[in-house]
Amino acid sequence: MKKNPYDPNEHLKSKLDQYKVDIPEFEMKRSRTDRWVHYLASPTKNPFDPLFDTMRTWTLAKVIPVVLSAGVACLQAFLM
């Protein structure tokens, strides 16, 4: 356990130096359409997150639309 595994190994270095890899050049700048698609697909911050911090507001946010839609349905039934 005295030998450091991160010391450079000459045999390994010689084996790795045998291989030559050609990396092709490619354009790093994105096209305008790629940037536009990336902008459209990027995640956004939810503006209603501060409203849903407590359980009470979460419950109200779920109950109020149901109550309002039931009220509108009853109103339509009475007007007919």
PDB file of N, CA and C in Angstrom:
ATOM      1  N   MET A   1       0.815  -1.188   0.000  1.00  0.00           N
ATOM      2  CA  MET A   1       0.000   0.000   0.000  1.00  0.00           C
ATOM      3  C   MET A   1       0.859   1.252   0.000  1.00  0.00           C
ATOM      4  N   LYS A   2       2.169   1.072   0.026  1.00  0.00           N
ATOM      5  CA  LYS A   2       3.066   2.219   0.055  1.00  0.00           C
ATOM      6  C   LYS A   2       3.181   2.882  -1.313  1.00  0.00           C
ATOM      7  N   LYS A   3       2.895   2.132  -2.378  1.00  0.00           N
ATOM      8  CA  LYS A   3       3.049   2.677  -3.714  1.00  0.00           C
ATOM      9  C   LYS A   3       1.847   3.559  -4.064  1.00  0.00           C
ATOM     10  N   ASN A   4       2.143   4.717  -4.581  1.00  0.00           N
ATOM     11  CA  ASN A   4       1.097   5.662  -4.961  1.00  0.00           C
ATOM     12  C   ASN A   4       0.519   5.260  -6.320  1.00  0.00           C
ATOM     13  N   PRO A   5      -0.788   4.996  -6.415  1.00  0.00           N
ATOM     14  CA  PRO A   5      -1.351   4.573  -7.712  1.00  0.00           C
ATOM     15  C   PRO A   5      -1.392   5.693  -8.744  1.00  0.00           C
ATOM     16  N   TYR A   6      -1.174   6.919  -8.308  1.00  0.00           N
ATOM     17  CA  TYR A   6      -1.254   8.051  -9.237  1.00  0.00           C
ATOM     18  C   TYR A   6       0.102   8.453  -9.803  1.00  0.00           C
ATOM     19  N   ASP A   7       1.144   7.749  -9.441  1.00  0.00           N
ATOM     20  CA  ASP A   7       2.454   8.026 -10.025  1.00  0.00           C
ATOM     21  C   ASP A   7       2.419   7.661 -11.504  1.00  0.00           C
ATOM     22  N   PRO A   8       3.130   8.412 -12.328  1.00  0.00           N
ATOM     23  CA  PRO A   8       3.119   8.091 -13.760  1.00  0.00           C
ATOM     24  C   PRO A   8       3.782   6.740 -14.024  1.00  0.00           C
ATOM     25  N   ASN A   9       3.078   5.923 -14.704  1.00  0.00           N
ATOM     26  CA  ASN A   9       3.570   4.595 -15.064  1.00  0.00           C
ATOM     27  C   ASN A   9       4.137   4.675 -16.476  1.00  0.00           C
ATOM     28  N   GLU A  10       5.405   4.360 -16.613  1.00  0.00           N
ATOM     29  CA  GLU A  10       6.085   4.488 -17.910  1.00  0.00           C
ATOM     30  C   GLU A  10       5.516   3.526 -18.949  1.00  0.00           C
ATOM     31  N   HIS A  11       5.171   2.332 -18.548  1.00  0.00           N
ATOM     32  CA  HIS A  11       4.610   1.360 -19.485  1.00  0.00           C
ATOM     33  C   HIS A  11       3.252   1.849 -20.010  1.00  0.00           C
ATOM     34  N   LEU A  12       2.427   2.331 -19.104  1.00  0.00           N
ATOM     35  CA  LEU A  12       1.119   2.851 -19.501  1.00  0.00           C
ATOM     36  C   LEU A  12       1.267   4.075 -20.393  1.00  0.00           C
ATOM     37  N   LYS A  13       2.194   4.944 -20.048  1.00  0.00           N
ATOM     38  CA  LYS A  13       2.417   6.140 -20.851  1.00  0.00           C
ATOM     39  C   LYS A  13       2.885   5.786 -22.259  1.00  0.00           C
ATOM     40  N   SER A  14       3.735   4.816 -22.384  1.00  0.00           N
ATOM     41  CA  SER A  14       4.208   4.428 -23.716  1.00  0.00           C
ATOM     42  C   SER A  14       3.077   3.803 -24.538  1.00  0.00           C
ATOM     43  N   LYS A  15       2.209   3.031 -23.888  1.00  0.00           N
ATOM     44  CA  LYS A  15       1.068   2.441 -24.602  1.00  0.00           C
ATOM     45  C   LYS A  15       0.083   3.509 -25.061  1.00  0.00           C
ATOM     46  N   LEU A  16      -0.164   4.495 -24.220  1.00  0.00           N
ATOM     47  CA  LEU A  16      -1.099   5.560 -24.591  1.00  0.00           C
ATOM     48  C   LEU A  16      -0.534   6.477 -25.671  1.00  0.00           C
ATOM     49  N   ASP A  17       0.772   6.640 -25.678  1.00  0.00           N
ATOM     50  CA  ASP A  17       1.392   7.490 -26.691  1.00  0.00           C
ATOM     51  C   ASP A  17       1.399   6.841 -28.067  1.00  0.00           C
ATOM     52  N   GLN A  18       1.140   5.550 -28.169  1.00  0.00           N
ATOM     53  CA  GLN A  18       1.100   4.879 -29.463  1.00  0.00           C
ATOM     54  C   GLN A  18      -0.104   5.334 -30.293  1.00  0.00           C
ATOM     55  N   TYR A  19      -1.148   5.732 -29.639  1.00  0.00           N
ATOM     56  CA  TYR A  19      -2.375   6.096 -30.341  1.00  0.00           C
ATOM     57  C   TYR A  19      -2.398   7.581 -30.643  1.00  0.00           C
ATOM     58  N   LYS A  20      -2.787   7.887 -31.867  1.00  0.00           N
ATOM     59  CA  LYS A  20      -2.892   9.283 -32.271  1.00  0.00           C
ATOM     60  C   LYS A  20      -4.342   9.522 -32.673  1.00  0.00           C
ATOM     61  N   VAL A  21      -4.942  10.517 -32.080  1.00  0.00           N
ATOM     62  CA  VAL A  21      -6.347  10.816 -32.331  1.00  0.00           C
ATOM     63  C   VAL A  21      -6.433  12.167 -33.015  1.00  0.00           C
ATOM     64  N   ASP A  22      -7.128  12.202 -34.146  1.00  0.00           N
ATOM     65  CA  ASP A  22      -7.353  13.459 -34.854  1.00  0.00           C
ATOM     66  C   ASP A  22      -8.721  13.995 -34.466  1.00  0.00           C
ATOM     67  N   ILE A  23      -8.728  15.173 -33.914  1.00  0.00           N
ATOM     68  CA  ILE A  23      -9.982  15.805 -33.508  1.00  0.00           C
ATOM     69  C   ILE A  23     -10.375  16.787 -34.598  1.00  0.00           C
ATOM     70  N   PRO A  24     -11.549  16.609 -35.190  1.00  0.00           N
ATOM     71  CA  PRO A  24     -11.949  17.517 -36.272  1.00  0.00           C
ATOM     72  C   PRO A  24     -12.335  18.893 -35.720  1.00  0.00           C
ATOM     73  N   GLU A  25     -12.093  19.884 -36.533  1.00  0.00           N
ATOM     74  CA  GLU A  25     -12.479  21.246 -36.167  1.00  0.00           C
ATOM     75  C   GLU A  25     -13.958  21.439 -36.467  1.00  0.00           C
ATOM     76  N   PHE A  26     -14.648  22.062 -35.566  1.00  0.00           N
ATOM     77  CA  PHE A  26     -16.058  22.362 -35.807  1.00  0.00           C
ATOM     78  C   PHE A  26     -16.361  23.744 -35.248  1.00  0.00           C
ATOM     79  N   GLU A  27     -17.395  24.317 -35.772  1.00  0.00           N
ATOM     80  CA  GLU A  27     -17.754  25.678 -35.409  1.00  0.00           C
ATOM     81  C   GLU A  27     -18.367  25.699 -34.011  1.00  0.00           C
ATOM     82  N   MET A  28     -17.869  26.547 -33.153  1.00  0.00           N
ATOM     83  CA  MET A  28     -18.363  26.611 -31.783  1.00  0.00           C
ATOM     84  C   MET A  28     -19.576  27.523 -31.649  1.00  0.00           C
ATOM     85  N   LYS A  29     -19.744  28.462 -32.567  1.00  0.00           N
ATOM     86  CA  LYS A  29     -20.851  29.399 -32.468  1.00  0.00           C
ATOM     87  C   LYS A  29     -22.129  28.746 -32.988  1.00  0.00           C
ATOM     88  N   ARG A  30     -23.201  28.888 -32.230  1.00  0.00           N
ATOM     89  CA  ARG A  30     -24.478  28.323 -32.633  1.00  0.00           C
ATOM     90  C   ARG A  30     -25.156  29.215 -33.657  1.00  0.00           C
ATOM     91  N   SER A  31     -26.006  28.596 -34.444  1.00  0.00           N
ATOM     92  CA  SER A  31     -26.754  29.379 -35.413  1.00  0.00           C
ATOM     93  C   SER A  31     -27.863  30.132 -34.694  1.00  0.00           C
ATOM     94  N   ARG A  32     -28.448  31.072 -35.380  1.00  0.00           N
ATOM     95  CA  ARG A  32     -29.497  31.887 -34.782  1.00  0.00           C
ATOM     96  C   ARG A  32     -30.714  31.044 -34.408  1.00  0.00           C
ATOM     97  N   THR A  33     -31.062  30.077 -35.256  1.00  0.00           N
ATOM     98  CA  THR A  33     -32.224  29.240 -34.939  1.00  0.00           C
ATOM     99  C   THR A  33     -31.940  28.329 -33.747  1.00  0.00           C
ATOM    100  N   ASP A  34     -30.711  27.830 -33.627  1.00  0.00           N
ATOM    101  CA  ASP A  34     -30.362  27.011 -32.468  1.00  0.00           C
ATOM    102  C   ASP A  34     -30.451  27.818 -31.184  1.00  0.00           C
ATOM    103  N   ARG A  35     -29.986  29.061 -31.222  1.00  0.00           N
ATOM    104  CA  ARG A  35     -30.079  29.903 -30.034  1.00  0.00           C
ATOM    105  C   ARG A  35     -31.530  30.211 -29.695  1.00  0.00           C
ATOM    106  N   TRP A  36     -32.367  30.434 -30.706  1.00  0.00           N
ATOM    107  CA  TRP A  36     -33.775  30.737 -30.477  1.00  0.00           C
ATOM    108  C   TRP A  36     -34.502  29.526 -29.883  1.00  0.00           C
ATOM    109  N   VAL A  37     -34.229  28.336 -30.409  1.00  0.00           N
ATOM    110  CA  VAL A  37     -34.846  27.123 -29.878  1.00  0.00           C
ATOM    111  C   VAL A  37     -34.369  26.874 -28.445  1.00  0.00           C
ATOM    112  N   HIS A  38     -33.102  27.117 -28.175  1.00  0.00           N
ATOM    113  CA  HIS A  38     -32.585  26.950 -26.826  1.00  0.00           C
ATOM    114  C   HIS A  38     -33.256  27.936 -25.864  1.00  0.00           C
ATOM    115  N   TYR A  39     -33.484  29.149 -26.313  1.00  0.00           N
ATOM    116  CA  TYR A  39     -34.168  30.152 -25.489  1.00  0.00           C
ATOM    117  C   TYR A  39     -35.607  29.733 -25.206  1.00  0.00           C
ATOM    118  N   LEU A  40     -36.296  29.224 -26.220  1.00  0.00           N
ATOM    119  CA  LEU A  40     -37.687  28.807 -26.020  1.00  0.00           C
ATOM    120  C   LEU A  40     -37.794  27.574 -25.132  1.00  0.00           C
ATOM    121  N   ALA A  41     -36.820  26.688 -25.182  1.00  0.00           N
ATOM    122  CA  ALA A  41     -36.884  25.442 -24.430  1.00  0.00           C
ATOM    123  C   ALA A  41     -36.272  25.556 -23.034  1.00  0.00           C
ATOM    124  N   SER A  42     -35.705  26.699 -22.698  1.00  0.00           N
ATOM    125  CA  SER A  42     -35.075  26.824 -21.386  1.00  0.00           C
ATOM    126  C   SER A  42     -36.141  26.928 -20.293  1.00  0.00           C
ATOM    127  N   PRO A  43     -35.871  26.362 -19.132  1.00  0.00           N
ATOM    128  CA  PRO A  43     -36.856  26.413 -18.048  1.00  0.00           C
ATOM    129  C   PRO A  43     -36.986  27.829 -17.494  1.00  0.00           C
ATOM    130  N   THR A  44     -38.170  28.131 -17.013  1.00  0.00           N
ATOM    131  CA  THR A  44     -38.418  29.447 -16.450  1.00  0.00           C
ATOM    132  C   THR A  44     -38.823  29.316 -14.991  1.00  0.00           C
ATOM    133  N   LYS A  45     -38.777  30.416 -14.299  1.00  0.00           N
ATOM    134  CA  LYS A  45     -39.175  30.433 -12.904  1.00  0.00           C
ATOM    135  C   LYS A  45     -40.693  30.547 -12.826  1.00  0.00           C
ATOM    136  N   ASN A  46     -41.298  29.770 -11.946  1.00  0.00           N
ATOM    137  CA  ASN A  46     -42.737  29.813 -11.763  1.00  0.00           C
ATOM    138  C   ASN A  46     -43.095  31.045 -10.938  1.00  0.00           C
ATOM    139  N   PRO A  47     -43.897  31.965 -11.472  1.00  0.00           N
ATOM    140  CA  PRO A  47     -44.224  33.177 -10.708  1.00  0.00           C
ATOM    141  C   PRO A  47     -45.166  32.910  -9.537  1.00  0.00           C
ATOM    142  N   PHE A  48     -45.808  31.748  -9.488  1.00  0.00           N
ATOM    143  CA  PHE A  48     -46.745  31.448  -8.416  1.00  0.00           C
ATOM    144  C   PHE A  48     -46.118  30.674  -7.259  1.00  0.00           C
ATOM    145  N   ASP A  49     -44.813  30.429  -7.311  1.00  0.00           N
ATOM    146  CA  ASP A  49     -44.158  29.695  -6.229  1.00  0.00           C
ATOM    147  C   ASP A  49     -44.312  30.361  -4.864  1.00  0.00           C
ATOM    148  N   PRO A  50     -44.175  31.670  -4.738  1.00  0.00           N
ATOM    149  CA  PRO A  50     -44.369  32.267  -3.401  1.00  0.00           C
ATOM    150  C   PRO A  50     -45.789  32.077  -2.865  1.00  0.00           C
ATOM    151  N   LEU A  51     -46.762  31.918  -3.733  1.00  0.00           N
ATOM    152  CA  LEU A  51     -48.133  31.731  -3.266  1.00  0.00           C
ATOM    153  C   LEU A  51     -48.373  30.346  -2.694  1.00  0.00           C
ATOM    154  N   PHE A  52     -47.614  29.361  -3.146  1.00  0.00           N
ATOM    155  CA  PHE A  52     -47.845  27.987  -2.736  1.00  0.00           C
ATOM    156  C   PHE A  52     -46.890  27.528  -1.642  1.00  0.00           C
ATOM    157  N   ASP A  53     -46.341  28.460  -0.876  1.00  0.00           N
ATOM    158  CA  ASP A  53     -45.405  28.081   0.178  1.00  0.00           C
ATOM    159  C   ASP A  53     -46.099  27.406   1.346  1.00  0.00           C
ATOM    160  N   THR A  54     -47.321  27.792   1.633  1.00  0.00           N
ATOM    161  CA  THR A  54     -48.018  27.192   2.773  1.00  0.00           C
ATOM    162  C   THR A  54     -49.103  26.256   2.285  1.00  0.00           C
ATOM    163  N   MET A  55     -49.541  25.368   3.148  1.00  0.00           N
ATOM    164  CA  MET A  55     -50.576  24.406   2.799  1.00  0.00           C
ATOM    165  C   MET A  55     -51.922  25.101   2.617  1.00  0.00           C
ATOM    166  N   ARG A  56     -52.165  26.163   3.375  1.00  0.00           N
ATOM    167  CA  ARG A  56     -53.441  26.869   3.290  1.00  0.00           C
ATOM    168  C   ARG A  56     -53.619  27.496   1.909  1.00  0.00           C
ATOM    169  N   THR A  57     -52.608  28.157   1.425  1.00  0.00           N
ATOM    170  CA  THR A  57     -52.733  28.771   0.099  1.00  0.00           C
ATOM    171  C   THR A  57     -52.820  27.703  -0.983  1.00  0.00           C
ATOM    172  N   TRP A  58     -52.144  26.571  -0.772  1.00  0.00           N
ATOM    173  CA  TRP A  58     -52.225  25.482  -1.743  1.00  0.00           C
ATOM    174  C   TRP A  58     -53.646  24.941  -1.798  1.00  0.00           C
ATOM    175  N   THR A  59     -54.264  24.781  -0.647  1.00  0.00           N
ATOM    176  CA  THR A  59     -55.640  24.294  -0.588  1.00  0.00           C
ATOM    177  C   THR A  59     -56.590  25.305  -1.216  1.00  0.00           C
ATOM    178  N   LEU A  60     -56.403  26.565  -0.912  1.00  0.00           N
ATOM    179  CA  LEU A  60     -57.259  27.601  -1.500  1.00  0.00           C
ATOM    180  C   LEU A  60     -57.104  27.654  -3.011  1.00  0.00           C
ATOM    181  N   ALA A  61     -55.902  27.468  -3.488  1.00  0.00           N
ATOM    182  CA  ALA A  61     -55.666  27.501  -4.933  1.00  0.00           C
ATOM    183  C   ALA A  61     -56.357  26.333  -5.631  1.00  0.00           C
ATOM    184  N   LYS A  62     -56.568  25.235  -4.929  1.00  0.00           N
ATOM    185  CA  LYS A  62     -57.262  24.100  -5.528  1.00  0.00           C
ATOM    186  C   LYS A  62     -58.773  24.204  -5.357  1.00  0.00           C
ATOM    187  N   VAL A  63     -59.225  24.804  -4.255  1.00  0.00           N
ATOM    188  CA  VAL A  63     -60.654  24.837  -3.944  1.00  0.00           C
ATOM    189  C   VAL A  63     -61.368  25.979  -4.648  1.00  0.00           C
ATOM    190  N   ILE A  64     -60.771  27.135  -4.730  1.00  0.00           N
ATOM    191  CA  ILE A  64     -61.437  28.311  -5.306  1.00  0.00           C
ATOM    192  C   ILE A  64     -61.872  28.080  -6.748  1.00  0.00           C
ATOM    193  N   PRO A  65     -61.067  27.517  -7.646  1.00  0.00           N
ATOM    194  CA  PRO A  65     -61.556  27.277  -9.014  1.00  0.00           C
ATOM    195  C   PRO A  65     -62.727  26.300  -9.061  1.00  0.00           C
ATOM    196  N   VAL A  66     -62.740  25.311  -8.178  1.00  0.00           N
ATOM    197  CA  VAL A  66     -63.844  24.356  -8.157  1.00  0.00           C
ATOM    198  C   VAL A  66     -65.123  25.049  -7.702  1.00  0.00           C
ATOM    199  N   VAL A  67     -65.028  25.856  -6.662  1.00  0.00           N
ATOM    200  CA  VAL A  67     -66.195  26.572  -6.150  1.00  0.00           C
ATOM    201  C   VAL A  67     -66.705  27.566  -7.187  1.00  0.00           C
ATOM    202  N   LEU A  68     -65.807  28.276  -7.827  1.00  0.00           N
ATOM    203  CA  LEU A  68     -66.233  29.245  -8.849  1.00  0.00           C
ATOM    204  C   LEU A  68     -66.894  28.554 -10.035  1.00  0.00           C
ATOM    205  N   SER A  69     -66.344  27.441 -10.481  1.00  0.00           N
ATOM    206  CA  SER A  69     -66.948  26.746 -11.629  1.00  0.00           C
ATOM    207  C   SER A  69     -68.307  26.162 -11.237  1.00  0.00           C
ATOM    208  N   ALA A  70     -68.458  25.679 -10.013  1.00  0.00           N
ATOM    209  CA  ALA A  70     -69.765  25.185  -9.566  1.00  0.00           C
ATOM    210  C   ALA A  70     -70.758  26.322  -9.470  1.00  0.00           C
ATOM    211  N   GLY A  71     -70.324  27.480  -9.002  1.00  0.00           N
ATOM    212  CA  GLY A  71     -71.208  28.646  -8.925  1.00  0.00           C
ATOM    213  C   GLY A  71     -71.659  29.101 -10.292  1.00  0.00           C
ATOM    214  N   VAL A  72     -70.764  29.119 -11.252  1.00  0.00           N
ATOM    215  CA  VAL A  72     -71.130  29.520 -12.615  1.00  0.00           C
ATOM    216  C   VAL A  72     -72.085  28.504 -13.215  1.00  0.00           C
ATOM    217  N   ALA A  73     -71.873  27.216 -12.949  1.00  0.00           N
ATOM    218  CA  ALA A  73     -72.775  26.191 -13.466  1.00  0.00           C
ATOM    219  C   ALA A  73     -74.171  26.337 -12.865  1.00  0.00           C
ATOM    220  N   CYS A  74     -74.239  26.607 -11.574  1.00  0.00           N
ATOM    221  CA  CYS A  74     -75.544  26.819 -10.936  1.00  0.00           C
ATOM    222  C   CYS A  74     -76.216  28.060 -11.479  1.00  0.00           C
ATOM    223  N   LEU A  75     -75.494  29.108 -11.687  1.00  0.00           N
ATOM    224  CA  LEU A  75     -76.031  30.349 -12.227  1.00  0.00           C
ATOM    225  C   LEU A  75     -76.596  30.126 -13.630  1.00  0.00           C
ATOM    226  N   GLN A  76     -75.890  29.357 -14.435  1.00  0.00           N
ATOM    227  CA  GLN A  76     -76.381  29.055 -15.776  1.00  0.00           C
ATOM    228  C   GLN A  76     -77.653  28.207 -15.713  1.00  0.00           C
ATOM    229  N   ALA A  77     -77.729  27.292 -14.763  1.00  0.00           N
ATOM    230  CA  ALA A  77     -78.905  26.446 -14.613  1.00  0.00           C
ATOM    231  C   ALA A  77     -80.117  27.286 -14.187  1.00  0.00           C
ATOM    232  N   PHE A  78     -79.923  28.231 -13.309  1.00  0.00           N
ATOM    233  CA  PHE A  78     -81.034  29.072 -12.848  1.00  0.00           C
ATOM    234  C   PHE A  78     -81.503  30.046 -13.915  1.00  0.00           C
ATOM    235  N   LEU A  79     -80.600  30.491 -14.773  1.00  0.00           N
ATOM    236  CA  LEU A  79     -80.979  31.460 -15.812  1.00  0.00           C
ATOM    237  C   LEU A  79     -81.691  30.808 -16.985  1.00  0.00           C
ATOM    238  N   MET A  80     -81.614  29.515 -17.132  1.00  0.00           N
ATOM    239  CA  MET A  80     -82.255  28.852 -18.247  1.00  0.00           C
ATOM    240  C   MET A  80     -83.644  28.571 -17.907  1.00  0.00           C
TER     241      MET A  80
END
